[in-house]
Protein backbone atom coordinates (compact mmCIF):
# COMPACT_ATOMS: atom_id res chain seq x y z
CA UNK A 1 143.90 -39.30 204.08
CA UNK A 2 145.57 -35.95 204.69
CA UNK A 3 143.16 -33.21 203.60
CA UNK A 4 145.59 -30.38 204.44
CA UNK A 5 148.13 -31.24 201.74
CA UNK A 6 146.57 -29.17 198.88
CA UNK A 7 146.86 -25.94 200.89
CA UNK A 8 150.68 -25.87 201.12
CA UNK A 9 150.92 -26.75 197.43
CA UNK A 10 148.62 -23.87 196.55
CA UNK A 11 150.59 -21.51 198.80
CA UNK A 12 153.84 -22.63 197.21
CA UNK A 13 152.48 -22.01 193.73
CA UNK A 14 151.49 -18.49 194.76
CA UNK A 15 155.17 -17.76 195.49
CA UNK A 16 156.31 -18.73 191.99
CA UNK A 17 157.28 -15.74 189.83
CA UNK A 18 157.73 -15.93 186.05
CA UNK A 19 159.09 -12.41 185.49
CA UNK A 20 162.86 -12.85 185.08
CA UNK A 21 163.56 -9.15 185.60
CA UNK A 22 161.94 -9.28 189.01
CA UNK A 23 163.71 -12.53 189.91
CA UNK A 24 167.09 -11.16 188.82
CA UNK A 25 166.66 -8.00 190.90
CA UNK A 26 165.52 -10.06 193.87
CA UNK A 27 168.60 -12.28 193.61
CA UNK A 28 170.85 -9.20 193.57
CA UNK A 29 169.21 -7.88 196.74
CA UNK A 30 169.51 -11.26 198.47
CA UNK A 31 173.20 -11.50 197.52
CA UNK A 32 173.76 -7.93 198.66
CA UNK A 33 172.17 -8.62 202.04
CA UNK A 34 174.21 -11.79 202.48
CA UNK A 35 177.36 -9.89 201.52
CA UNK A 36 176.70 -7.23 204.16
CA UNK A 37 176.33 -9.90 206.85
CA UNK A 38 179.48 -11.71 205.71
CA UNK A 39 181.46 -8.46 205.85
CA UNK A 40 180.16 -7.82 209.37
CA UNK A 41 178.79 -4.40 208.45
CA UNK A 42 177.50 -2.78 211.67
CA UNK A 43 173.71 -2.38 211.51
CA UNK A 44 171.66 -0.28 213.87
CA UNK A 45 168.43 -1.68 215.26
CA UNK A 46 166.38 0.81 213.30
CA UNK A 47 167.92 -0.47 210.05
CA UNK A 48 166.73 -4.04 210.50
CA UNK A 49 163.21 -3.33 209.33
CA UNK A 50 164.53 -1.64 206.20
CA UNK A 51 166.72 -4.59 205.17
CA UNK A 52 164.25 -7.32 206.15
CA UNK A 53 162.89 -8.79 202.92
CA UNK A 54 159.81 -10.22 204.60
CA UNK A 55 157.48 -12.01 202.12
CA UNK A 56 160.00 -11.44 199.35
CA UNK A 57 162.12 -14.22 200.86
CA UNK A 58 159.49 -16.78 199.85
CA UNK A 59 159.37 -15.78 196.18
CA UNK A 60 161.25 -17.86 193.63
CA UNK A 61 161.59 -18.21 189.88
CA UNK A 62 159.28 -20.55 187.97
CA UNK A 63 158.39 -20.54 184.24
CA UNK A 64 154.78 -21.36 185.14
CA UNK A 65 154.54 -18.78 187.91
CA UNK A 66 152.60 -15.57 188.14
CA UNK A 67 153.58 -11.98 187.42
CA UNK A 68 154.75 -9.88 190.41
CA UNK A 69 152.27 -7.40 191.80
CA UNK A 70 152.79 -3.65 191.88
CA UNK A 71 153.24 -3.83 195.65
CA UNK A 72 156.00 -6.43 195.28
CA UNK A 73 157.85 -4.27 192.78
CA UNK A 74 157.58 -1.32 195.14
CA UNK A 75 158.81 -3.41 198.08
CA UNK A 76 161.74 -4.60 195.99
CA UNK A 77 162.76 -1.05 195.10
CA UNK A 78 162.44 0.04 198.72
CA UNK A 79 164.70 -2.78 199.94
CA UNK A 80 167.29 -1.94 197.30
CA UNK A 81 167.19 1.72 198.35
CA UNK A 82 167.71 0.65 201.98
CA UNK A 83 170.64 -1.66 201.27
CA UNK A 84 172.77 0.26 198.77
CA UNK A 85 173.60 3.20 201.12
CA UNK A 86 175.25 0.70 203.46
CA UNK A 87 177.95 0.01 200.86
CA UNK A 88 181.08 2.08 201.22
CA UNK A 89 183.19 2.58 198.05
CA UNK A 90 185.50 -0.22 199.18
CA UNK A 91 182.61 -2.60 199.84
CA UNK A 92 180.97 -1.66 196.56
CA UNK A 93 184.20 -2.52 194.73
CA UNK A 94 184.50 -5.82 196.57
CA UNK A 95 180.88 -6.71 195.83
CA UNK A 96 181.35 -6.01 192.11
CA UNK A 97 184.50 -8.15 192.02
CA UNK A 98 182.56 -10.98 193.67
CA UNK A 99 179.82 -10.67 191.05
CA UNK A 100 182.44 -10.91 188.28
CA UNK A 101 184.35 -13.82 189.77
CA UNK A 102 183.78 -15.71 186.50
CA UNK A 103 186.45 -13.51 184.87
CA UNK A 104 188.81 -13.65 187.85
CA UNK A 105 188.55 -17.36 188.70
CA UNK A 106 186.78 -19.49 186.07
CA UNK A 107 188.30 -17.93 182.95
CA UNK A 108 191.95 -18.04 184.21
CA UNK A 109 191.56 -21.65 185.35
CA UNK A 110 190.09 -22.59 181.97
CA UNK A 111 192.94 -21.01 180.02
CA UNK A 112 195.54 -22.48 182.38
CA UNK A 113 194.05 -25.90 181.69
CA UNK A 114 194.03 -25.40 177.93
CA UNK A 115 197.62 -24.15 178.03
CA UNK A 116 198.76 -27.24 179.93
CA UNK A 117 196.85 -29.59 177.61
CA UNK A 118 198.16 -27.85 174.49
CA UNK A 119 201.73 -27.93 175.81
CA UNK A 120 201.54 -31.65 176.55
CA UNK A 121 199.97 -32.29 173.15
CA UNK A 122 202.76 -30.41 171.37
CA UNK A 123 205.42 -32.25 173.36
CA UNK A 124 203.89 -35.65 172.50
CA UNK A 125 203.53 -34.73 168.83
CA UNK A 126 207.13 -33.53 168.60
CA UNK A 127 208.37 -36.65 170.40
CA UNK A 128 206.45 -39.39 168.63
CA UNK A 129 204.99 -37.89 165.48
CA UNK A 130 207.51 -35.56 163.90
CA UNK A 131 207.38 -35.56 160.12
CA UNK A 132 205.60 -34.08 157.14
CA UNK A 133 202.53 -36.29 157.29
CA UNK A 134 199.12 -34.63 157.40
CA UNK A 135 198.37 -36.71 160.50
CA UNK A 136 201.14 -34.81 162.26
CA UNK A 137 200.74 -31.35 160.74
CA UNK A 138 197.00 -30.93 161.38
CA UNK A 139 197.08 -31.84 165.13
CA UNK A 140 200.30 -29.84 165.51
CA UNK A 141 198.81 -26.69 163.99
CA UNK A 142 195.60 -27.02 166.04
CA UNK A 143 197.54 -27.58 169.27
CA UNK A 144 199.84 -24.67 168.46
CA UNK A 145 196.92 -22.31 167.81
CA UNK A 146 195.27 -23.33 171.09
CA UNK A 147 198.58 -22.92 172.91
CA UNK A 148 199.12 -19.41 171.54
CA UNK A 149 195.55 -18.21 172.09
CA UNK A 150 195.46 -19.65 175.60
CA UNK A 151 198.70 -17.95 176.59
CA UNK A 152 197.50 -14.61 175.30
CA UNK A 153 194.15 -14.92 177.06
CA UNK A 154 195.93 -16.05 180.22
CA UNK A 155 198.12 -12.97 180.04
CA UNK A 156 195.01 -10.80 179.74
CA UNK A 157 193.50 -12.55 182.77
CA UNK A 158 196.69 -11.93 184.72
CA UNK A 159 196.50 -8.26 183.78
CA UNK A 160 192.91 -8.02 185.04
CA UNK A 161 193.75 -9.78 188.31
CA UNK A 162 196.80 -7.59 188.90
CA UNK A 163 194.78 -4.46 188.13
CA UNK A 164 192.02 -5.50 190.52
CA UNK A 165 194.52 -6.35 193.26
CA UNK A 166 196.43 -3.09 192.97
CA UNK A 167 193.23 -1.09 192.93
CA UNK A 168 191.87 -2.91 195.96
CA UNK A 169 194.97 -2.07 197.98
CA UNK A 170 195.18 1.46 196.52
CA UNK A 171 198.74 0.87 195.33
CA UNK A 172 198.33 1.84 191.69
CA UNK A 173 200.83 4.38 190.44
CA UNK A 174 199.73 6.67 187.62
CA UNK A 175 203.24 6.70 186.21
CA UNK A 176 203.85 3.01 186.78
CA UNK A 177 203.87 0.40 184.00
CA UNK A 178 200.87 -1.43 185.49
CA UNK A 179 198.60 1.60 185.44
CA UNK A 180 195.63 1.13 183.13
CA UNK A 181 192.46 3.20 182.95
CA UNK A 182 190.34 0.08 182.51
CA UNK A 183 187.19 -0.58 184.49
CA UNK A 184 187.56 -4.14 185.76
CA UNK A 185 184.01 -4.09 187.13
CA UNK A 186 182.49 -3.85 183.64
CA UNK A 187 181.64 -7.31 182.30
CA UNK A 188 181.82 -6.18 178.67
CA UNK A 189 185.26 -4.60 179.17
CA UNK A 190 186.54 -7.77 180.83
CA UNK A 191 185.39 -9.95 177.96
CA UNK A 192 186.84 -7.66 175.32
CA UNK A 193 190.16 -7.44 177.22
CA UNK A 194 190.57 -11.24 177.32
CA UNK A 195 189.69 -11.59 173.63
CA UNK A 196 192.06 -8.74 172.74
CA UNK A 197 194.90 -10.40 174.64
CA UNK A 198 194.35 -13.69 172.81
CA UNK A 199 194.23 -11.98 169.41
CA UNK A 200 197.36 -9.92 170.08
CA UNK A 201 199.25 -13.03 171.16
CA UNK A 202 198.10 -14.94 168.08
CA UNK A 203 198.88 -12.22 165.52
CA UNK A 204 202.30 -11.18 166.83
CA UNK A 205 203.62 -14.44 168.30
CA UNK A 206 202.47 -16.56 165.36
CA UNK A 207 205.57 -16.00 163.17
CA UNK A 208 207.95 -17.08 165.94
CA UNK A 209 205.59 -19.49 167.65
CA UNK A 210 207.50 -22.51 166.44
CA UNK A 211 210.59 -21.25 168.25
CA UNK A 212 208.54 -20.73 171.44
CA UNK A 213 207.17 -24.27 171.35
CA UNK A 214 210.64 -25.67 170.66
CA UNK A 215 212.05 -23.86 173.71
CA UNK A 216 209.32 -25.36 175.92
CA UNK A 217 209.90 -28.80 174.42
CA UNK A 218 213.66 -28.69 174.93
CA UNK A 219 213.22 -27.49 178.52
CA UNK A 220 211.62 -30.83 179.40
CA UNK A 221 214.00 -32.97 177.37
CA UNK A 222 217.56 -34.05 177.94
CA UNK A 223 218.83 -32.05 174.97
CA UNK A 224 218.95 -28.72 176.85
CA UNK A 225 217.98 -28.95 180.55
CA UNK A 226 218.51 -25.24 181.35
CA UNK A 227 217.20 -22.81 178.71
CA UNK A 228 218.75 -19.37 178.45
CA UNK A 229 216.95 -16.20 179.55
CA UNK A 230 216.48 -15.19 175.92
CA UNK A 231 214.80 -18.50 175.16
CA UNK A 232 212.42 -18.14 178.08
CA UNK A 233 211.52 -14.64 176.95
CA UNK A 234 210.58 -16.07 173.56
CA UNK A 235 208.57 -18.85 175.19
CA UNK A 236 206.66 -16.35 177.32
CA UNK A 237 206.08 -13.90 174.49
CA UNK A 238 202.39 -14.85 173.93
CA UNK A 239 201.74 -14.38 177.65
CA UNK A 240 203.46 -10.98 177.71
CA UNK A 241 201.54 -9.83 174.64
CA UNK A 242 198.28 -10.78 176.30
CA UNK A 243 199.29 -9.11 179.55
CA UNK A 244 200.46 -5.76 178.20
CA UNK A 245 198.55 -3.90 175.53
CA UNK A 246 201.13 -1.13 175.98
CA UNK A 247 203.82 -3.48 174.65
CA UNK A 248 201.65 -4.47 171.70
CA UNK A 249 200.74 -0.89 170.79
CA UNK A 250 204.40 0.15 171.07
CA UNK A 251 205.26 -2.58 168.55
CA UNK A 252 202.43 -1.47 166.28
CA UNK A 253 203.60 2.16 166.47
CA UNK A 254 207.13 1.16 165.48
CA UNK A 255 205.87 -0.92 162.57
CA UNK A 256 203.52 1.84 161.38
CA UNK A 257 206.28 4.44 161.68
CA UNK A 258 208.63 2.23 159.65
CA UNK A 259 206.05 1.66 156.91
CA UNK A 260 205.22 5.38 156.87
CA UNK A 261 208.88 6.25 156.41
CA UNK A 262 209.20 3.65 153.66
CA UNK A 263 206.39 5.26 151.66
CA UNK A 264 207.38 8.82 152.55
CA UNK A 265 204.35 9.53 154.72
CA UNK A 266 205.00 12.27 157.24
CA UNK A 267 204.00 11.34 160.78
CA UNK A 268 202.70 7.88 161.52
CA UNK A 269 199.57 7.07 163.46
CA UNK A 270 200.36 7.10 167.14
CA UNK A 271 198.19 4.58 168.91
CA UNK A 272 198.00 5.06 172.65
CA UNK A 273 196.92 2.59 175.27
CA UNK A 274 193.80 3.75 177.05
């Protein structure tokens, strides 16, 4: 019988931490250290001791674990203070983009998938189920709503990716149409921007959405193999509305100005894209 087996189990239990704040900060430091090595950041020999996590490497999250000690908190803060100065502004930007890859990879792929599925669903419904039956109208309306929302959200995702790319290569022009003063490293801003793009696409493209779906349907049928440029612009309208808030706000300003003139109100509300 092996009498030494309880010792490793006891040692392993001592490395279990239940404090999620401590675990989250430790994971950030571990990712930051790995990022620095992947980017081949030159490290002097005297820096190695400062970035070595030591016993912190053995700690892991466990709901039944212990609370971290005061010394472990202090060591964690010291390691973070040693690692962050090694990040240049460019590396800091790249690290933040990597942390937010959910918005730059997962979310666009999800909305691309829903757009494809909704498009195929609409095509099948218009091919085999056209009519006034409730069994056609309900799936058609649901598929159309998903198609419109997905295109708008996909346009917002494209905007975020373009903004991040242009910023990374320092090619943004203040006077250019792609310039936006939006912080694409803020998770809350990213979420709100995607939702805003989907809502804009739904509200504005909804009245002419049937025409957009018809253009897509005819493009894959024998009735009209080559759509006109105007038709493609209509089909891509939800995407463009999700991509450009400037376009949406310009439309809103024109509508508000027209309503103001109709009721004799001097000076409409000028909404600017920030």
